[in-house]
Amino acid sequence: MIFPILIYGHPLLRKRCLEIEQFSNSNKINSLIKNMYDTMGQAQGIGLAAPQIGISLRFFIIEYNNFSKTKFKQVFINPKILKIYGSSLITKEGCLSIPNIIENIIRKNHLIIEYYDENWKKYKQHFNGLLSIIIQHEYDHIEGKLFLDHISDQKKLFLHNQLKKISAKIKTNPNNRLHF
């Protein structure tokens, strides 16, 4: 099932998400994860967080193929970033919830994160480079933040009209979702 994706201006995108209980219905969670991967693939994304599909829970998925053809595919349930450190990287970021806007964002290139996978196996891992950036972006979603929160006020002012057009879709679509 392909879910509609919430777009900029929807209040759920600015809400800190709740943790998932470990003894939640695993069939329901696994079905949701599969549908999220389908949705992300249809939208041609590399990451998708639960609040982007209207679910205020602390989890996100990533599926990324880097230039050396190494595939990374992971579910992050109840993640906690323990440390962000290292050199600053400037990367171009976009977001499925903020269509047609791509901006240079500065983030640190290393992180340590604890999380559970879909089988409730706990991990504590180090990520660097682009994977660290992708994880930070998706983690921001479950904290109620967007990549736009990392740009200057001057740049936000420059983007004001574009963002206003995106959020104006609330008036034409009360659920404020993109359908694929």
C-alpha atoms as a PDB file:
ATOM      1  CA  MET A   1       0.000   0.000   0.000  1.00  0.00           C
ATOM      2  CA  ILE A   2       1.287   3.440  -0.920  1.00  0.00           C
ATOM      3  CA  PHE A   3       0.667   6.027   1.793  1.00  0.00           C
ATOM      4  CA  PRO A   4       0.117   9.704   1.069  1.00  0.00           C
ATOM      5  CA  ILE A   5       2.974  11.832   2.421  1.00  0.00           C
ATOM      6  CA  LEU A   6       2.276  14.813   4.667  1.00  0.00           C
ATOM      7  CA  ILE A   7       3.637  18.045   3.286  1.00  0.00           C
ATOM      8  CA  TYR A   8       5.099  21.195   4.776  1.00  0.00           C
ATOM      9  CA  GLY A   9       2.625  23.072   6.923  1.00  0.00           C
ATOM     10  CA  HIS A  10       0.960  20.005   8.426  1.00  0.00           C
ATOM     11  CA  PRO A  11       1.163  20.313  12.232  1.00  0.00           C
ATOM     12  CA  LEU A  12       2.124  16.643  12.755  1.00  0.00           C
ATOM     13  CA  LEU A  13       5.480  17.326  11.076  1.00  0.00           C
ATOM     14  CA  ARG A  14       6.331  19.656  13.981  1.00  0.00           C
ATOM     15  CA  LYS A  15       5.420  17.239  16.770  1.00  0.00           C
ATOM     16  CA  ARG A  16       7.899  15.126  18.748  1.00  0.00           C
ATOM     17  CA  CYS A  17       6.895  11.502  18.221  1.00  0.00           C
ATOM     18  CA  LEU A  18       6.102   8.843  20.818  1.00  0.00           C
ATOM     19  CA  GLU A  19       8.099   5.673  21.406  1.00  0.00           C
ATOM     20  CA  ILE A  20       6.749   2.348  20.193  1.00  0.00           C
ATOM     21  CA  GLU A  21       6.023  -0.199  22.905  1.00  0.00           C
ATOM     22  CA  GLN A  22       8.181  -3.267  22.423  1.00  0.00           C
ATOM     23  CA  PHE A  23       5.198  -5.543  22.811  1.00  0.00           C
ATOM     24  CA  SER A  24       3.137  -3.776  20.176  1.00  0.00           C
ATOM     25  CA  ASN A  25       1.527  -5.893  17.469  1.00  0.00           C
ATOM     26  CA  SER A  26       4.574  -6.967  15.429  1.00  0.00           C
ATOM     27  CA  ASN A  27       2.463  -7.999  12.415  1.00  0.00           C
ATOM     28  CA  LYS A  28       0.980  -4.517  12.279  1.00  0.00           C
ATOM     29  CA  ILE A  29       4.422  -2.886  12.592  1.00  0.00           C
ATOM     30  CA  ASN A  30       5.942  -5.163   9.920  1.00  0.00           C
ATOM     31  CA  SER A  31       3.059  -4.399   7.561  1.00  0.00           C
ATOM     32  CA  LEU A  32       3.537  -0.679   8.206  1.00  0.00           C
ATOM     33  CA  ILE A  33       7.279  -0.964   7.509  1.00  0.00           C
ATOM     34  CA  LYS A  34       6.660  -2.792   4.225  1.00  0.00           C
ATOM     35  CA  ASN A  35       4.148  -0.124   3.190  1.00  0.00           C
ATOM     36  CA  MET A  36       6.609   2.606   4.134  1.00  0.00           C
ATOM     37  CA  TYR A  37       9.284   1.037   1.908  1.00  0.00           C
ATOM     38  CA  ASP A  38       6.734   0.857  -0.928  1.00  0.00           C
ATOM     39  CA  THR A  39       5.782   4.504  -0.363  1.00  0.00           C
ATOM     40  CA  MET A  40       9.393   5.646  -0.215  1.00  0.00           C
ATOM     41  CA  GLY A  41      10.248   3.725  -3.380  1.00  0.00           C
ATOM     42  CA  GLN A  42       7.291   5.163  -5.253  1.00  0.00           C
ATOM     43  CA  ALA A  43       8.333   8.662  -4.164  1.00  0.00           C
ATOM     44  CA  GLN A  44      11.975   7.953  -5.103  1.00  0.00           C
ATOM     45  CA  GLY A  45      13.237   8.773  -1.629  1.00  0.00           C
ATOM     46  CA  ILE A  46      16.100   7.336   0.419  1.00  0.00           C
ATOM     47  CA  GLY A  47      14.505   7.777   3.839  1.00  0.00           C
ATOM     48  CA  LEU A  48      11.036   8.066   5.311  1.00  0.00           C
ATOM     49  CA  ALA A  49       9.949   8.754   8.883  1.00  0.00           C
ATOM     50  CA  ALA A  50       6.634   7.673  10.381  1.00  0.00           C
ATOM     51  CA  PRO A  51       5.348  11.241  10.947  1.00  0.00           C
ATOM     52  CA  GLN A  52       5.674  11.888   7.216  1.00  0.00           C
ATOM     53  CA  ILE A  53       2.829   9.434   6.664  1.00  0.00           C
ATOM     54  CA  GLY A  54       0.764  10.744   9.570  1.00  0.00           C
ATOM     55  CA  ILE A  55       1.948   8.348  12.298  1.00  0.00           C
ATOM     56  CA  SER A  56       3.439  10.028  15.362  1.00  0.00           C
ATOM     57  CA  LEU A  57       5.785   7.195  16.347  1.00  0.00           C
ATOM     58  CA  ARG A  58       9.569   7.166  16.729  1.00  0.00           C
ATOM     59  CA  PHE A  59      10.770   5.186  13.776  1.00  0.00           C
ATOM     60  CA  PHE A  60      12.114   5.669  10.303  1.00  0.00           C
ATOM     61  CA  ILE A  61      13.480   3.646   7.419  1.00  0.00           C
ATOM     62  CA  ILE A  62      16.408   4.143   5.096  1.00  0.00           C
ATOM     63  CA  GLU A  63      17.253   2.453   1.821  1.00  0.00           C
ATOM     64  CA  TYR A  64      20.307   3.855   0.142  1.00  0.00           C
ATOM     65  CA  ASN A  65      22.636   2.680  -2.599  1.00  0.00           C
ATOM     66  CA  ASN A  66      25.945   4.518  -2.681  1.00  0.00           C
ATOM     67  CA  PHE A  67      28.193   4.954  -5.677  1.00  0.00           C
ATOM     68  CA  SER A  68      30.108   1.731  -5.012  1.00  0.00           C
ATOM     69  CA  LYS A  69      26.826  -0.194  -5.310  1.00  0.00           C
ATOM     70  CA  THR A  70      26.774  -1.024  -1.601  1.00  0.00           C
ATOM     71  CA  LYS A  71      23.176  -1.217  -0.452  1.00  0.00           C
ATOM     72  CA  PHE A  72      22.120  -0.030   2.987  1.00  0.00           C
ATOM     73  CA  LYS A  73      18.598  -0.855   4.118  1.00  0.00           C
ATOM     74  CA  GLN A  74      17.605  -0.442   7.760  1.00  0.00           C
ATOM     75  CA  VAL A  75      14.645   0.134  10.067  1.00  0.00           C
ATOM     76  CA  PHE A  76      15.293   2.370  13.088  1.00  0.00           C
ATOM     77  CA  ILE A  77      12.750   1.894  15.916  1.00  0.00           C
ATOM     78  CA  ASN A  78      12.928   4.152  18.990  1.00  0.00           C
ATOM     79  CA  PRO A  79      16.326   5.523  17.955  1.00  0.00           C
ATOM     80  CA  LYS A  80      18.436   7.682  20.258  1.00  0.00           C
ATOM     81  CA  ILE A  81      21.369   9.616  18.883  1.00  0.00           C
ATOM     82  CA  LEU A  82      24.028   9.391  21.560  1.00  0.00           C
ATOM     83  CA  LYS A  83      26.643  11.584  19.928  1.00  0.00           C
ATOM     84  CA  ILE A  84      27.060  13.719  16.815  1.00  0.00           C
ATOM     85  CA  TYR A  85      30.616  14.753  16.103  1.00  0.00           C
ATOM     86  CA  GLY A  86      33.387  15.189  13.556  1.00  0.00           C
ATOM     87  CA  SER A  87      33.946  17.546  10.692  1.00  0.00           C
ATOM     88  CA  SER A  88      31.128  19.555   9.252  1.00  0.00           C
ATOM     89  CA  LEU A  89      29.820  18.467   5.870  1.00  0.00           C
ATOM     90  CA  ILE A  90      27.789  20.615   3.525  1.00  0.00           C
ATOM     91  CA  THR A  91      25.328  18.490   1.585  1.00  0.00           C
ATOM     92  CA  LYS A  92      22.316  19.216  -0.550  1.00  0.00           C
ATOM     93  CA  GLU A  93      19.179  18.045   1.241  1.00  0.00           C
ATOM     94  CA  GLY A  94      15.657  17.701   0.041  1.00  0.00           C
ATOM     95  CA  CYS A  95      12.627  16.146   1.660  1.00  0.00           C
ATOM     96  CA  LEU A  96       9.599  14.228   0.439  1.00  0.00           C
ATOM     97  CA  SER A  97       7.483  16.484   2.684  1.00  0.00           C
ATOM     98  CA  ILE A  98       8.902  19.676   1.165  1.00  0.00           C
ATOM     99  CA  PRO A  99       8.687  19.087  -2.591  1.00  0.00           C
ATOM    100  CA  ASN A 100      10.940  20.935  -5.038  1.00  0.00           C
ATOM    101  CA  ILE A 101      13.147  22.584  -2.426  1.00  0.00           C
ATOM    102  CA  ILE A 102      16.782  21.535  -2.071  1.00  0.00           C
ATOM    103  CA  GLU A 103      19.195  23.428   0.150  1.00  0.00           C
ATOM    104  CA  ASN A 104      22.775  23.178   1.350  1.00  0.00           C
ATOM    105  CA  ILE A 105      22.739  21.977   4.955  1.00  0.00           C
ATOM    106  CA  ILE A 106      25.695  21.764   7.345  1.00  0.00           C
ATOM    107  CA  ARG A 107      25.812  18.690   9.567  1.00  0.00           C
ATOM    108  CA  LYS A 108      28.534  16.768  11.397  1.00  0.00           C
ATOM    109  CA  ASN A 109      29.819  13.695   9.570  1.00  0.00           C
ATOM    110  CA  HIS A 110      29.791  11.135  12.433  1.00  0.00           C
ATOM    111  CA  LEU A 111      27.172   9.862  14.832  1.00  0.00           C
ATOM    112  CA  ILE A 112      26.575   7.094  17.324  1.00  0.00           C
ATOM    113  CA  ILE A 113      23.001   5.863  17.574  1.00  0.00           C
ATOM    114  CA  GLU A 114      21.094   3.242  19.533  1.00  0.00           C
ATOM    115  CA  TYR A 115      17.992   1.723  17.985  1.00  0.00           C
ATOM    116  CA  TYR A 116      15.938  -1.433  17.549  1.00  0.00           C
ATOM    117  CA  ASP A 117      15.361  -3.148  14.237  1.00  0.00           C
ATOM    118  CA  GLU A 118      12.036  -4.628  13.161  1.00  0.00           C
ATOM    119  CA  ASN A 119      12.804  -7.808  15.168  1.00  0.00           C
ATOM    120  CA  TRP A 120      13.444  -5.786  18.351  1.00  0.00           C
ATOM    121  CA  LYS A 121      17.148  -6.512  18.224  1.00  0.00           C
ATOM    122  CA  LYS A 122      19.006  -3.619  19.851  1.00  0.00           C
ATOM    123  CA  TYR A 123      21.989  -1.970  18.139  1.00  0.00           C
ATOM    124  CA  LYS A 124      24.494   0.676  19.062  1.00  0.00           C
ATOM    125  CA  GLN A 125      26.269   1.749  15.875  1.00  0.00           C
ATOM    126  CA  HIS A 126      28.574   4.353  14.469  1.00  0.00           C
ATOM    127  CA  PHE A 127      27.761   5.875  11.080  1.00  0.00           C
ATOM    128  CA  ASN A 128      29.757   8.367   9.068  1.00  0.00           C
ATOM    129  CA  GLY A 129      29.586  10.358   5.884  1.00  0.00           C
ATOM    130  CA  LEU A 130      26.387  10.440   3.898  1.00  0.00           C
ATOM    131  CA  LEU A 131      24.698   7.733   5.989  1.00  0.00           C
ATOM    132  CA  SER A 132      25.239   9.876   9.070  1.00  0.00           C
ATOM    133  CA  ILE A 133      23.624  12.823   7.263  1.00  0.00           C
ATOM    134  CA  ILE A 134      20.626  10.743   6.115  1.00  0.00           C
ATOM    135  CA  ILE A 135      20.093   9.384   9.637  1.00  0.00           C
ATOM    136  CA  GLN A 136      20.275  12.888  11.126  1.00  0.00           C
ATOM    137  CA  HIS A 137      17.704  14.114   8.593  1.00  0.00           C
ATOM    138  CA  GLU A 138      15.255  11.298   9.381  1.00  0.00           C
ATOM    139  CA  TYR A 139      15.890  11.592  13.122  1.00  0.00           C
ATOM    140  CA  ASP A 140      14.971  15.274  12.906  1.00  0.00           C
ATOM    141  CA  HIS A 141      11.521  14.203  11.640  1.00  0.00           C
ATOM    142  CA  ILE A 142      10.755  12.183  14.759  1.00  0.00           C
ATOM    143  CA  GLU A 143      11.878  15.167  16.856  1.00  0.00           C
ATOM    144  CA  GLY A 144       9.452  17.491  15.037  1.00  0.00           C
ATOM    145  CA  LYS A 145      12.170  19.225  13.038  1.00  0.00           C
ATOM    146  CA  LEU A 146      12.700  19.770   9.322  1.00  0.00           C
ATOM    147  CA  PHE A 147      15.867  20.345   7.329  1.00  0.00           C
ATOM    148  CA  LEU A 148      14.723  23.949   6.894  1.00  0.00           C
ATOM    149  CA  ASP A 149      15.460  24.447  10.594  1.00  0.00           C
ATOM    150  CA  HIS A 150      19.152  24.215   9.680  1.00  0.00           C
ATOM    151  CA  ILE A 151      19.187  27.122   7.224  1.00  0.00           C
ATOM    152  CA  SER A 152      19.654  30.809   7.941  1.00  0.00           C
ATOM    153  CA  ASP A 153      16.776  33.195   8.567  1.00  0.00           C
ATOM    154  CA  GLN A 154      17.811  35.058   5.435  1.00  0.00           C
ATOM    155  CA  LYS A 155      17.485  31.889   3.347  1.00  0.00           C
ATOM    156  CA  LYS A 156      14.094  31.121   4.960  1.00  0.00           C
ATOM    157  CA  LEU A 157      12.939  34.595   3.973  1.00  0.00           C
ATOM    158  CA  PHE A 158      14.112  33.920   0.414  1.00  0.00           C
ATOM    159  CA  LEU A 159      12.117  30.645   0.374  1.00  0.00           C
ATOM    160  CA  HIS A 160       9.042  32.188   2.020  1.00  0.00           C
ATOM    161  CA  ASN A 161       6.898  32.351  -1.135  1.00  0.00           C
ATOM    162  CA  GLN A 162       7.724  28.784  -2.184  1.00  0.00           C
ATOM    163  CA  LEU A 163       6.958  27.486   1.307  1.00  0.00           C
ATOM    164  CA  LYS A 164       3.750  29.494   1.412  1.00  0.00           C
ATOM    165  CA  LYS A 165       2.605  27.835  -1.840  1.00  0.00           C
ATOM    166  CA  ILE A 166       3.363  24.381  -0.447  1.00  0.00           C
ATOM    167  CA  SER A 167       1.551  25.005   2.837  1.00  0.00           C
ATOM    168  CA  ALA A 168      -1.378  26.646   1.004  1.00  0.00           C
ATOM    169  CA  LYS A 169      -2.339  23.150  -0.146  1.00  0.00           C
ATOM    170  CA  ILE A 170      -3.870  22.745   3.319  1.00  0.00           C
ATOM    171  CA  LYS A 171      -6.756  24.866   2.065  1.00  0.00           C
ATOM    172  CA  THR A 172      -7.322  22.689  -1.023  1.00  0.00           C
ATOM    173  CA  ASN A 173      -6.530  19.392   0.691  1.00  0.00           C
ATOM    174  CA  PRO A 174      -7.532  19.320   4.369  1.00  0.00           C
ATOM    175  CA  ASN A 175      -5.235  16.386   5.088  1.00  0.00           C
ATOM    176  CA  ASN A 176      -2.322  18.199   3.406  1.00  0.00           C
ATOM    177  CA  ARG A 177      -0.834  15.059   1.853  1.00  0.00           C
ATOM    178  CA  LEU A 178       0.894  14.289  -1.388  1.00  0.00           C
ATOM    179  CA  HIS A 179      -0.609  11.330  -3.250  1.00  0.00           C
ATOM    180  CA  PHE A 180       1.494   9.148  -5.529  1.00  0.00           C
END
